[in-house]
Amino acid sequence: MVTHPSGDSVTPEEFKAAFRNHPAGVAVITADAGDGPVALTATSVFSVSVEPPLLVFSISDLSSSTPTIRRADTVVVHLLGAAQLDIAKLGATSGIDRFADTTIWDRLPTGEPYFPSAHAWIRGRVVNKMEAGGSTVVAVQALQTKAPPAGDPSADAAEAEPLVYHNRTWHRLGEHSKIQ
């Protein structure tokens, strides 16, 4: 274990090692700023507020999708279950046309590209962006959602099997992972 006296900074490798043991839900962000659809996989998505309904995610300057997402007025955030692992891997793979298979995606009536098979998705308007190191933090106000309603069996982890990323590995949550 490496610790640093107050005021010193950790290395990028040390920082990544610390977060490898912090599991995160998996999402795919899609957008189209007018020059074609883009997608990227993110584990940085979290809700901020329900009044108004806001969420936040970050995008790396190194991602080929980042310039388009920065220019987009709206995005679709797909919250994935284990059954959508293929979409998560698609958004995480560099150097490919993520939209080549036209059977797995479509456009919403408002024009945004989306993956209909996602367990849940949120279409939102970008309301703020903040540069943060080698990334951009994006705040989004939810405009539309598709998700199982509260109390629906398909919203339970045993049915939905939320997709989680931990220590460079994909995992699923389910009945087996409950501790209460």
N, C-alpha and C. Protein backbone atom coordinates (compact mmCIF):
# COMPACT_ATOMS: atom_id res chain seq x y z
N MET A 1 0.84 -1.17 0.00
CA MET A 1 0.00 0.00 0.00
C MET A 1 0.89 1.23 0.00
N VAL A 2 0.54 2.21 -0.85
CA VAL A 2 1.30 3.45 -0.94
C VAL A 2 0.45 4.57 -0.36
N THR A 3 1.00 5.28 0.62
CA THR A 3 0.33 6.47 1.14
C THR A 3 1.23 7.66 0.90
N HIS A 4 0.65 8.83 0.81
CA HIS A 4 1.40 10.05 0.53
C HIS A 4 1.15 11.07 1.62
N PRO A 5 2.22 11.78 2.03
CA PRO A 5 2.02 12.84 3.01
C PRO A 5 1.06 13.89 2.45
N SER A 6 0.43 14.61 3.33
CA SER A 6 -0.52 15.66 2.92
C SER A 6 0.14 16.59 1.91
N GLY A 7 -0.61 16.87 0.84
CA GLY A 7 -0.11 17.79 -0.18
C GLY A 7 0.50 17.10 -1.38
N ASP A 8 0.98 15.88 -1.22
CA ASP A 8 1.55 15.16 -2.35
C ASP A 8 0.43 14.57 -3.18
N SER A 9 0.74 14.22 -4.41
CA SER A 9 -0.26 13.66 -5.30
C SER A 9 0.07 12.21 -5.63
N VAL A 10 -0.96 11.44 -5.90
CA VAL A 10 -0.76 10.06 -6.31
C VAL A 10 -0.49 10.02 -7.81
N THR A 11 0.11 8.95 -8.26
CA THR A 11 0.37 8.78 -9.68
C THR A 11 -0.91 8.31 -10.37
N PRO A 12 -1.00 8.47 -11.69
CA PRO A 12 -2.17 7.95 -12.39
C PRO A 12 -2.37 6.45 -12.15
N GLU A 13 -1.29 5.69 -12.08
CA GLU A 13 -1.40 4.25 -11.86
C GLU A 13 -1.96 3.95 -10.48
N GLU A 14 -1.51 4.69 -9.46
CA GLU A 14 -2.02 4.49 -8.11
C GLU A 14 -3.52 4.85 -8.03
N PHE A 15 -3.89 5.93 -8.70
CA PHE A 15 -5.29 6.36 -8.69
C PHE A 15 -6.18 5.32 -9.35
N LYS A 16 -5.74 4.80 -10.51
CA LYS A 16 -6.52 3.76 -11.19
C LYS A 16 -6.62 2.51 -10.33
N ALA A 17 -5.54 2.14 -9.65
CA ALA A 17 -5.55 0.94 -8.80
C ALA A 17 -6.57 1.09 -7.68
N ALA A 18 -6.69 2.28 -7.10
CA ALA A 18 -7.67 2.49 -6.04
C ALA A 18 -9.08 2.31 -6.56
N PHE A 19 -9.38 2.85 -7.74
CA PHE A 19 -10.74 2.76 -8.28
C PHE A 19 -11.07 1.41 -8.88
N ARG A 20 -10.07 0.58 -9.15
CA ARG A 20 -10.36 -0.76 -9.68
C ARG A 20 -11.20 -1.57 -8.70
N ASN A 21 -11.08 -1.28 -7.42
CA ASN A 21 -11.83 -2.01 -6.41
C ASN A 21 -13.12 -1.31 -6.01
N HIS A 22 -13.53 -0.35 -6.82
CA HIS A 22 -14.80 0.35 -6.58
C HIS A 22 -15.72 0.02 -7.75
N PRO A 23 -16.67 -0.91 -7.55
CA PRO A 23 -17.53 -1.30 -8.67
C PRO A 23 -18.44 -0.16 -9.10
N ALA A 24 -18.81 -0.19 -10.37
CA ALA A 24 -19.67 0.86 -10.92
C ALA A 24 -20.63 0.26 -11.92
N GLY A 25 -21.82 0.82 -11.98
CA GLY A 25 -22.79 0.43 -12.99
C GLY A 25 -22.29 0.81 -14.37
N VAL A 26 -22.74 0.10 -15.37
CA VAL A 26 -22.27 0.30 -16.74
C VAL A 26 -23.38 0.96 -17.56
N ALA A 27 -22.98 2.00 -18.29
CA ALA A 27 -23.90 2.71 -19.17
C ALA A 27 -23.23 2.93 -20.51
N VAL A 28 -24.05 3.11 -21.53
CA VAL A 28 -23.55 3.52 -22.84
C VAL A 28 -24.23 4.84 -23.17
N ILE A 29 -23.42 5.81 -23.56
CA ILE A 29 -23.91 7.14 -23.93
C ILE A 29 -23.91 7.22 -25.45
N THR A 30 -25.01 7.67 -26.05
CA THR A 30 -25.07 7.88 -27.50
C THR A 30 -25.47 9.32 -27.78
N ALA A 31 -25.01 9.80 -28.93
CA ALA A 31 -25.34 11.16 -29.36
C ALA A 31 -25.10 11.28 -30.85
N ASP A 32 -25.64 12.34 -31.43
CA ASP A 32 -25.38 12.69 -32.82
C ASP A 32 -25.50 14.21 -32.93
N ALA A 33 -24.38 14.86 -33.16
CA ALA A 33 -24.37 16.32 -33.26
C ALA A 33 -24.54 16.78 -34.70
N GLY A 34 -24.95 15.85 -35.58
CA GLY A 34 -25.19 16.20 -36.97
C GLY A 34 -24.24 15.56 -37.96
N ASP A 35 -23.20 14.90 -37.46
CA ASP A 35 -22.24 14.27 -38.37
C ASP A 35 -22.14 12.77 -38.16
N GLY A 36 -23.21 12.17 -37.65
CA GLY A 36 -23.25 10.72 -37.47
C GLY A 36 -23.25 10.33 -36.01
N PRO A 37 -23.83 9.17 -35.71
CA PRO A 37 -23.96 8.74 -34.32
C PRO A 37 -22.64 8.27 -33.72
N VAL A 38 -22.51 8.49 -32.41
CA VAL A 38 -21.36 7.99 -31.65
C VAL A 38 -21.88 7.32 -30.39
N ALA A 39 -21.05 6.46 -29.82
CA ALA A 39 -21.38 5.77 -28.57
C ALA A 39 -20.11 5.53 -27.78
N LEU A 40 -20.24 5.56 -26.48
CA LEU A 40 -19.12 5.18 -25.61
C LEU A 40 -19.67 4.56 -24.35
N THR A 41 -18.89 3.66 -23.77
CA THR A 41 -19.25 3.01 -22.52
C THR A 41 -18.69 3.81 -21.37
N ALA A 42 -19.50 4.01 -20.33
CA ALA A 42 -19.10 4.81 -19.18
C ALA A 42 -19.51 4.13 -17.88
N THR A 43 -18.67 4.27 -16.87
CA THR A 43 -19.01 3.81 -15.53
C THR A 43 -19.13 5.00 -14.58
N SER A 44 -19.14 6.21 -15.12
CA SER A 44 -19.17 7.42 -14.31
C SER A 44 -20.55 8.04 -14.20
N VAL A 45 -21.60 7.36 -14.61
CA VAL A 45 -22.95 7.93 -14.62
C VAL A 45 -23.55 7.85 -13.22
N PHE A 46 -24.11 8.97 -12.76
CA PHE A 46 -24.85 8.95 -11.50
C PHE A 46 -25.91 10.04 -11.48
N SER A 47 -26.96 9.78 -10.69
CA SER A 47 -28.03 10.77 -10.57
C SER A 47 -27.58 11.85 -9.60
N VAL A 48 -28.05 13.07 -9.86
CA VAL A 48 -27.67 14.21 -9.03
C VAL A 48 -28.89 14.77 -8.30
N SER A 49 -30.02 14.81 -8.99
CA SER A 49 -31.20 15.45 -8.45
C SER A 49 -32.44 14.86 -9.10
N VAL A 50 -33.54 14.81 -8.35
CA VAL A 50 -34.81 14.39 -8.96
C VAL A 50 -35.70 15.60 -9.27
N GLU A 51 -35.43 16.75 -8.66
CA GLU A 51 -36.16 17.99 -8.93
C GLU A 51 -35.17 19.11 -9.17
N PRO A 52 -34.78 19.43 -10.35
CA PRO A 52 -35.15 18.77 -11.60
C PRO A 52 -34.37 17.45 -11.76
N PRO A 53 -34.84 16.58 -12.66
CA PRO A 53 -34.15 15.29 -12.85
C PRO A 53 -32.83 15.49 -13.60
N LEU A 54 -31.72 15.38 -12.87
CA LEU A 54 -30.39 15.60 -13.44
C LEU A 54 -29.50 14.39 -13.21
N LEU A 55 -28.65 14.12 -14.19
CA LEU A 55 -27.61 13.10 -14.07
C LEU A 55 -26.30 13.69 -14.58
N VAL A 56 -25.22 13.04 -14.23
CA VAL A 56 -23.89 13.49 -14.62
C VAL A 56 -23.10 12.28 -15.11
N PHE A 57 -22.20 12.53 -16.06
CA PHE A 57 -21.22 11.52 -16.46
C PHE A 57 -19.98 12.25 -16.93
N SER A 58 -18.89 11.51 -17.04
CA SER A 58 -17.66 12.12 -17.56
C SER A 58 -17.21 11.38 -18.80
N ILE A 59 -16.54 12.13 -19.69
CA ILE A 59 -16.01 11.55 -20.92
C ILE A 59 -14.55 11.94 -21.05
N SER A 60 -13.73 10.99 -21.44
CA SER A 60 -12.30 11.20 -21.57
C SER A 60 -11.97 11.94 -22.86
N ASP A 61 -11.00 12.82 -22.78
CA ASP A 61 -10.52 13.51 -23.98
C ASP A 61 -9.96 12.53 -25.01
N LEU A 62 -9.60 11.32 -24.57
CA LEU A 62 -9.00 10.33 -25.46
C LEU A 62 -10.03 9.57 -26.29
N SER A 63 -11.31 9.65 -25.93
CA SER A 63 -12.34 8.91 -26.66
C SER A 63 -12.66 9.58 -27.99
N SER A 64 -12.78 8.79 -29.03
CA SER A 64 -13.15 9.33 -30.35
C SER A 64 -14.57 9.89 -30.35
N SER A 65 -15.40 9.49 -29.39
CA SER A 65 -16.78 9.97 -29.30
C SER A 65 -16.90 11.31 -28.58
N THR A 66 -15.88 11.69 -27.84
CA THR A 66 -15.96 12.90 -27.02
C THR A 66 -16.26 14.17 -27.80
N PRO A 67 -15.61 14.45 -28.93
CA PRO A 67 -15.93 15.70 -29.64
C PRO A 67 -17.41 15.81 -30.02
N THR A 68 -18.00 14.71 -30.47
CA THR A 68 -19.42 14.74 -30.84
C THR A 68 -20.30 14.94 -29.62
N ILE A 69 -20.02 14.25 -28.54
CA ILE A 69 -20.83 14.39 -27.33
C ILE A 69 -20.71 15.81 -26.78
N ARG A 70 -19.53 16.40 -26.86
CA ARG A 70 -19.37 17.80 -26.41
C ARG A 70 -20.23 18.76 -27.23
N ARG A 71 -20.41 18.49 -28.51
CA ARG A 71 -21.19 19.38 -29.39
C ARG A 71 -22.69 19.09 -29.35
N ALA A 72 -23.07 17.92 -28.87
CA ALA A 72 -24.49 17.52 -28.90
C ALA A 72 -25.31 18.31 -27.89
N ASP A 73 -26.53 18.63 -28.29
CA ASP A 73 -27.48 19.27 -27.38
C ASP A 73 -28.19 18.24 -26.51
N THR A 74 -28.36 17.03 -27.04
CA THR A 74 -29.03 15.96 -26.32
C THR A 74 -28.22 14.68 -26.42
N VAL A 75 -28.42 13.79 -25.45
CA VAL A 75 -27.76 12.49 -25.41
C VAL A 75 -28.77 11.45 -24.92
N VAL A 76 -28.45 10.19 -25.14
CA VAL A 76 -29.22 9.10 -24.56
C VAL A 76 -28.27 8.30 -23.69
N VAL A 77 -28.64 8.12 -22.43
CA VAL A 77 -27.84 7.35 -21.47
C VAL A 77 -28.55 6.02 -21.28
N HIS A 78 -27.90 4.94 -21.67
CA HIS A 78 -28.45 3.59 -21.58
C HIS A 78 -27.89 2.93 -20.31
N LEU A 79 -28.77 2.53 -19.41
CA LEU A 79 -28.37 1.84 -18.18
C LEU A 79 -28.53 0.34 -18.45
N LEU A 80 -27.41 -0.37 -18.42
CA LEU A 80 -27.39 -1.73 -18.96
C LEU A 80 -27.51 -2.82 -17.91
N GLY A 81 -28.13 -3.91 -18.34
CA GLY A 81 -28.16 -5.15 -17.58
C GLY A 81 -27.19 -6.13 -18.23
N ALA A 82 -26.98 -7.24 -17.56
CA ALA A 82 -26.04 -8.25 -18.07
C ALA A 82 -26.42 -8.72 -19.47
N ALA A 83 -27.71 -8.72 -19.79
CA ALA A 83 -28.15 -9.15 -21.12
C ALA A 83 -27.68 -8.21 -22.22
N GLN A 84 -27.23 -7.02 -21.85
CA GLN A 84 -26.73 -6.06 -22.85
C GLN A 84 -25.21 -5.94 -22.83
N LEU A 85 -24.52 -6.97 -22.35
CA LEU A 85 -23.06 -6.95 -22.32
C LEU A 85 -22.49 -6.66 -23.69
N ASP A 86 -23.12 -7.16 -24.75
CA ASP A 86 -22.63 -6.91 -26.10
C ASP A 86 -22.63 -5.41 -26.43
N ILE A 87 -23.62 -4.68 -25.96
CA ILE A 87 -23.67 -3.23 -26.21
C ILE A 87 -22.58 -2.53 -25.40
N ALA A 88 -22.36 -2.98 -24.16
CA ALA A 88 -21.29 -2.40 -23.34
C ALA A 88 -19.93 -2.60 -24.01
N LYS A 89 -19.69 -3.81 -24.50
CA LYS A 89 -18.41 -4.07 -25.17
C LYS A 89 -18.29 -3.28 -26.47
N LEU A 90 -19.39 -3.13 -27.18
CA LEU A 90 -19.40 -2.35 -28.42
C LEU A 90 -18.97 -0.91 -28.14
N GLY A 91 -19.56 -0.29 -27.11
CA GLY A 91 -19.21 1.09 -26.76
C GLY A 91 -17.81 1.24 -26.22
N ALA A 92 -17.23 0.15 -25.72
CA ALA A 92 -15.89 0.18 -25.14
C ALA A 92 -14.79 -0.17 -26.13
N THR A 93 -15.16 -0.59 -27.33
CA THR A 93 -14.16 -1.02 -28.31
C THR A 93 -13.77 0.14 -29.22
N SER A 94 -12.48 0.39 -29.32
CA SER A 94 -11.97 1.48 -30.16
C SER A 94 -11.80 1.03 -31.60
N GLY A 95 -11.87 1.99 -32.49
CA GLY A 95 -11.52 1.77 -33.88
C GLY A 95 -12.53 0.97 -34.69
N ILE A 96 -13.77 0.90 -34.25
CA ILE A 96 -14.79 0.18 -35.00
C ILE A 96 -15.97 1.11 -35.27
N ASP A 97 -16.80 0.72 -36.22
CA ASP A 97 -18.05 1.44 -36.47
C ASP A 97 -19.09 0.84 -35.53
N ARG A 98 -19.39 1.53 -34.46
CA ARG A 98 -20.31 1.02 -33.45
C ARG A 98 -21.75 0.94 -33.94
N PHE A 99 -22.02 1.53 -35.10
CA PHE A 99 -23.37 1.55 -35.64
C PHE A 99 -23.49 0.79 -36.96
N ALA A 100 -22.50 -0.05 -37.24
CA ALA A 100 -22.51 -0.83 -38.49
C ALA A 100 -23.68 -1.82 -38.52
N ASP A 101 -24.00 -2.44 -37.39
CA ASP A 101 -25.09 -3.40 -37.32
C ASP A 101 -26.39 -2.62 -37.07
N THR A 102 -27.10 -2.34 -38.13
CA THR A 102 -28.32 -1.53 -38.03
C THR A 102 -29.49 -2.27 -37.39
N THR A 103 -29.31 -3.55 -37.06
CA THR A 103 -30.40 -4.29 -36.42
C THR A 103 -30.44 -4.07 -34.90
N ILE A 104 -29.39 -3.48 -34.31
CA ILE A 104 -29.35 -3.34 -32.85
C ILE A 104 -29.59 -1.91 -32.38
N TRP A 105 -29.71 -0.96 -33.30
CA TRP A 105 -29.95 0.41 -32.88
C TRP A 105 -30.99 1.06 -33.79
N ASP A 106 -31.50 2.18 -33.33
CA ASP A 106 -32.50 2.93 -34.08
C ASP A 106 -32.36 4.39 -33.67
N ARG A 107 -33.27 5.21 -34.15
CA ARG A 107 -33.31 6.61 -33.73
C ARG A 107 -34.64 6.86 -33.05
N LEU A 108 -34.60 7.64 -32.00
CA LEU A 108 -35.83 8.08 -31.36
C LEU A 108 -36.54 9.05 -32.29
N PRO A 109 -37.83 9.30 -32.12
CA PRO A 109 -38.54 10.27 -32.96
C PRO A 109 -37.88 11.66 -32.94
N THR A 110 -37.14 11.95 -31.87
CA THR A 110 -36.43 13.23 -31.74
C THR A 110 -35.06 13.21 -32.41
N GLY A 111 -34.64 12.06 -32.96
CA GLY A 111 -33.41 11.98 -33.75
C GLY A 111 -32.22 11.32 -33.11
N GLU A 112 -32.21 11.17 -31.79
CA GLU A 112 -31.04 10.59 -31.14
C GLU A 112 -30.91 9.11 -31.42
N PRO A 113 -29.67 8.62 -31.61
CA PRO A 113 -29.46 7.18 -31.75
C PRO A 113 -29.63 6.50 -30.39
N TYR A 114 -30.21 5.30 -30.39
CA TYR A 114 -30.36 4.57 -29.13
C TYR A 114 -30.40 3.07 -29.41
N PHE A 115 -30.17 2.31 -28.34
CA PHE A 115 -30.22 0.85 -28.39
C PHE A 115 -31.50 0.40 -27.69
N PRO A 116 -32.52 -0.01 -28.47
CA PRO A 116 -33.81 -0.39 -27.88
C PRO A 116 -33.74 -1.52 -26.86
N SER A 117 -32.74 -2.39 -26.94
CA SER A 117 -32.68 -3.52 -26.02
C SER A 117 -32.14 -3.15 -24.64
N ALA A 118 -31.68 -1.92 -24.44
CA ALA A 118 -31.16 -1.52 -23.13
C ALA A 118 -32.23 -1.70 -22.06
N HIS A 119 -31.81 -2.14 -20.89
CA HIS A 119 -32.75 -2.35 -19.79
C HIS A 119 -33.51 -1.05 -19.49
N ALA A 120 -32.81 0.07 -19.51
CA ALA A 120 -33.43 1.37 -19.29
C ALA A 120 -32.60 2.41 -20.03
N TRP A 121 -33.26 3.48 -20.46
CA TRP A 121 -32.52 4.58 -21.06
C TRP A 121 -33.16 5.90 -20.67
N ILE A 122 -32.34 6.95 -20.71
CA ILE A 122 -32.78 8.30 -20.38
C ILE A 122 -32.30 9.22 -21.49
N ARG A 123 -33.23 9.90 -22.13
CA ARG A 123 -32.87 10.93 -23.11
C ARG A 123 -32.85 12.25 -22.36
N GLY A 124 -31.79 13.02 -22.59
CA GLY A 124 -31.69 14.28 -21.86
C GLY A 124 -31.01 15.38 -22.63
N ARG A 125 -31.23 16.59 -22.14
CA ARG A 125 -30.62 17.78 -22.70
C ARG A 125 -29.38 18.12 -21.89
N VAL A 126 -28.26 18.36 -22.58
CA VAL A 126 -27.03 18.76 -21.91
C VAL A 126 -27.23 20.16 -21.36
N VAL A 127 -27.05 20.33 -20.06
CA VAL A 127 -27.28 21.63 -19.43
C VAL A 127 -26.00 22.28 -18.93
N ASN A 128 -24.92 21.51 -18.82
CA ASN A 128 -23.66 22.10 -18.39
C ASN A 128 -22.52 21.14 -18.71
N LYS A 129 -21.34 21.72 -18.92
CA LYS A 129 -20.13 20.94 -19.15
C LYS A 129 -19.00 21.60 -18.36
N MET A 130 -18.13 20.79 -17.80
CA MET A 130 -17.01 21.31 -17.04
C MET A 130 -15.75 20.52 -17.40
N GLU A 131 -14.72 21.22 -17.81
CA GLU A 131 -13.44 20.56 -18.06
C GLU A 131 -12.86 20.13 -16.71
N ALA A 132 -12.37 18.91 -16.64
CA ALA A 132 -11.80 18.37 -15.40
C ALA A 132 -10.62 17.48 -15.75
N GLY A 133 -9.43 18.01 -15.66
CA GLY A 133 -8.25 17.25 -16.04
C GLY A 133 -8.33 16.85 -17.50
N GLY A 134 -8.16 15.59 -17.79
CA GLY A 134 -8.23 15.09 -19.17
C GLY A 134 -9.62 14.61 -19.54
N SER A 135 -10.64 15.13 -18.88
CA SER A 135 -12.01 14.72 -19.12
C SER A 135 -12.94 15.92 -19.13
N THR A 136 -14.18 15.66 -19.53
CA THR A 136 -15.25 16.64 -19.45
C THR A 136 -16.37 16.02 -18.64
N VAL A 137 -16.84 16.74 -17.63
CA VAL A 137 -17.99 16.31 -16.85
C VAL A 137 -19.22 16.94 -17.50
N VAL A 138 -20.21 16.12 -17.80
CA VAL A 138 -21.41 16.56 -18.52
C VAL A 138 -22.62 16.40 -17.61
N ALA A 139 -23.38 17.48 -17.43
CA ALA A 139 -24.64 17.43 -16.67
C ALA A 139 -25.80 17.41 -17.66
N VAL A 140 -26.76 16.54 -17.41
CA VAL A 140 -27.86 16.30 -18.33
C VAL A 140 -29.18 16.36 -17.57
N GLN A 141 -30.15 17.09 -18.11
CA GLN A 141 -31.50 17.09 -17.55
C GLN A 141 -32.34 16.09 -18.31
N ALA A 142 -32.93 15.15 -17.58
CA ALA A 142 -33.73 14.09 -18.20
C ALA A 142 -34.99 14.68 -18.83
N LEU A 143 -35.25 14.26 -20.07
CA LEU A 143 -36.44 14.69 -20.81
C LEU A 143 -37.41 13.54 -21.03
N GLN A 144 -36.87 12.32 -21.10
CA GLN A 144 -37.68 11.15 -21.42
C GLN A 144 -36.96 9.93 -20.90
N THR A 145 -37.72 8.94 -20.43
CA THR A 145 -37.12 7.69 -19.97
C THR A 145 -37.91 6.50 -20.48
N LYS A 146 -37.22 5.39 -20.53
CA LYS A 146 -37.86 4.08 -20.73
C LYS A 146 -37.22 3.18 -19.69
N ALA A 147 -38.03 2.76 -18.73
CA ALA A 147 -37.52 1.91 -17.66
C ALA A 147 -38.69 1.15 -17.06
N PRO A 148 -38.42 -0.02 -16.47
CA PRO A 148 -39.49 -0.72 -15.78
C PRO A 148 -39.99 0.13 -14.61
N PRO A 149 -41.30 0.19 -14.39
CA PRO A 149 -41.82 0.98 -13.28
C PRO A 149 -41.44 0.37 -11.93
N ALA A 150 -41.38 1.22 -10.91
CA ALA A 150 -41.09 0.75 -9.55
C ALA A 150 -42.07 -0.36 -9.19
N GLY A 151 -41.55 -1.41 -8.58
CA GLY A 151 -42.38 -2.53 -8.17
C GLY A 151 -42.54 -3.60 -9.22
N ASP A 152 -42.23 -3.27 -10.48
CA ASP A 152 -42.31 -4.27 -11.55
C ASP A 152 -41.22 -5.31 -11.31
N PRO A 153 -41.53 -6.60 -11.43
CA PRO A 153 -40.50 -7.63 -11.22
C PRO A 153 -39.27 -7.45 -12.09
N SER A 154 -39.43 -6.90 -13.29
CA SER A 154 -38.27 -6.72 -14.17
C SER A 154 -37.34 -5.62 -13.68
N ALA A 155 -37.76 -4.84 -12.67
CA ALA A 155 -36.89 -3.81 -12.10
C ALA A 155 -36.04 -4.37 -10.97
N ASP A 156 -36.37 -5.56 -10.47
CA ASP A 156 -35.61 -6.19 -9.39
C ASP A 156 -34.28 -6.72 -9.94
N ALA A 157 -33.25 -6.66 -9.13
CA ALA A 157 -31.93 -7.12 -9.56
C ALA A 157 -31.93 -8.58 -10.00
N ALA A 158 -32.77 -9.40 -9.39
CA ALA A 158 -32.82 -10.81 -9.77
C ALA A 158 -33.26 -10.97 -11.22
N GLU A 159 -34.12 -10.10 -11.68
CA GLU A 159 -34.62 -10.16 -13.06
C GLU A 159 -33.75 -9.33 -14.00
N ALA A 160 -33.43 -8.12 -13.59
CA ALA A 160 -32.71 -7.18 -14.47
C ALA A 160 -31.22 -7.51 -14.59
N GLU A 161 -30.66 -8.09 -13.54
CA GLU A 161 -29.23 -8.38 -13.49
C GLU A 161 -28.40 -7.19 -13.97
N PRO A 162 -28.39 -6.09 -13.20
CA PRO A 162 -27.61 -4.92 -13.60
C PRO A 162 -26.16 -5.28 -13.90
N LEU A 163 -25.62 -4.64 -14.92
CA LEU A 163 -24.24 -4.87 -15.34
C LEU A 163 -23.33 -3.95 -14.54
N VAL A 164 -22.28 -4.53 -13.97
CA VAL A 164 -21.33 -3.80 -13.13
C VAL A 164 -19.93 -4.08 -13.63
N TYR A 165 -19.08 -3.06 -13.54
CA TYR A 165 -17.67 -3.22 -13.91
C TYR A 165 -16.84 -3.10 -12.64
N HIS A 166 -15.97 -4.10 -12.40
CA HIS A 166 -15.14 -4.11 -11.20
C HIS A 166 -13.81 -4.77 -11.52
N ASN A 167 -12.73 -4.08 -11.22
CA ASN A 167 -11.38 -4.61 -11.39
C ASN A 167 -11.15 -5.19 -12.79
N ARG A 168 -11.52 -4.39 -13.79
CA ARG A 168 -11.34 -4.73 -15.21
C ARG A 168 -12.15 -5.93 -15.67
N THR A 169 -13.26 -6.22 -14.97
CA THR A 169 -14.08 -7.38 -15.31
C THR A 169 -15.55 -7.01 -15.22
N TRP A 170 -16.34 -7.56 -16.15
CA TRP A 170 -17.79 -7.38 -16.14
C TRP A 170 -18.40 -8.33 -15.11
N HIS A 171 -19.43 -7.85 -14.39
CA HIS A 171 -20.14 -8.66 -13.41
C HIS A 171 -21.63 -8.39 -13.54
N ARG A 172 -22.43 -9.29 -13.01
CA ARG A 172 -23.88 -9.09 -12.97
C ARG A 172 -24.32 -9.14 -11.51
N LEU A 173 -25.27 -8.28 -11.18
CA LEU A 173 -25.90 -8.34 -9.87
C LEU A 173 -27.15 -9.19 -10.00
N GLY A 174 -27.49 -9.88 -8.95
CA GLY A 174 -28.68 -10.72 -8.99
C GLY A 174 -29.00 -11.23 -7.60
N GLU A 175 -29.88 -12.20 -7.54
CA GLU A 175 -30.29 -12.77 -6.26
C GLU A 175 -29.07 -13.24 -5.47
N HIS A 176 -28.08 -13.80 -6.16
CA HIS A 176 -26.88 -14.33 -5.51
C HIS A 176 -26.05 -13.24 -4.84
N SER A 177 -26.20 -11.99 -5.24
CA SER A 177 -25.36 -10.93 -4.70
C SER A 177 -26.02 -10.15 -3.56
N LYS A 178 -27.28 -10.47 -3.24
CA LYS A 178 -27.95 -9.81 -2.12
C LYS A 178 -27.30 -10.22 -0.80
N ILE A 179 -27.14 -9.26 0.10
CA ILE A 179 -26.55 -9.59 1.41
C ILE A 179 -27.53 -9.35 2.54
N GLN A 180 -28.75 -8.93 2.24
CA GLN A 180 -29.78 -8.75 3.27
C GLN A 180 -30.98 -9.58 2.95
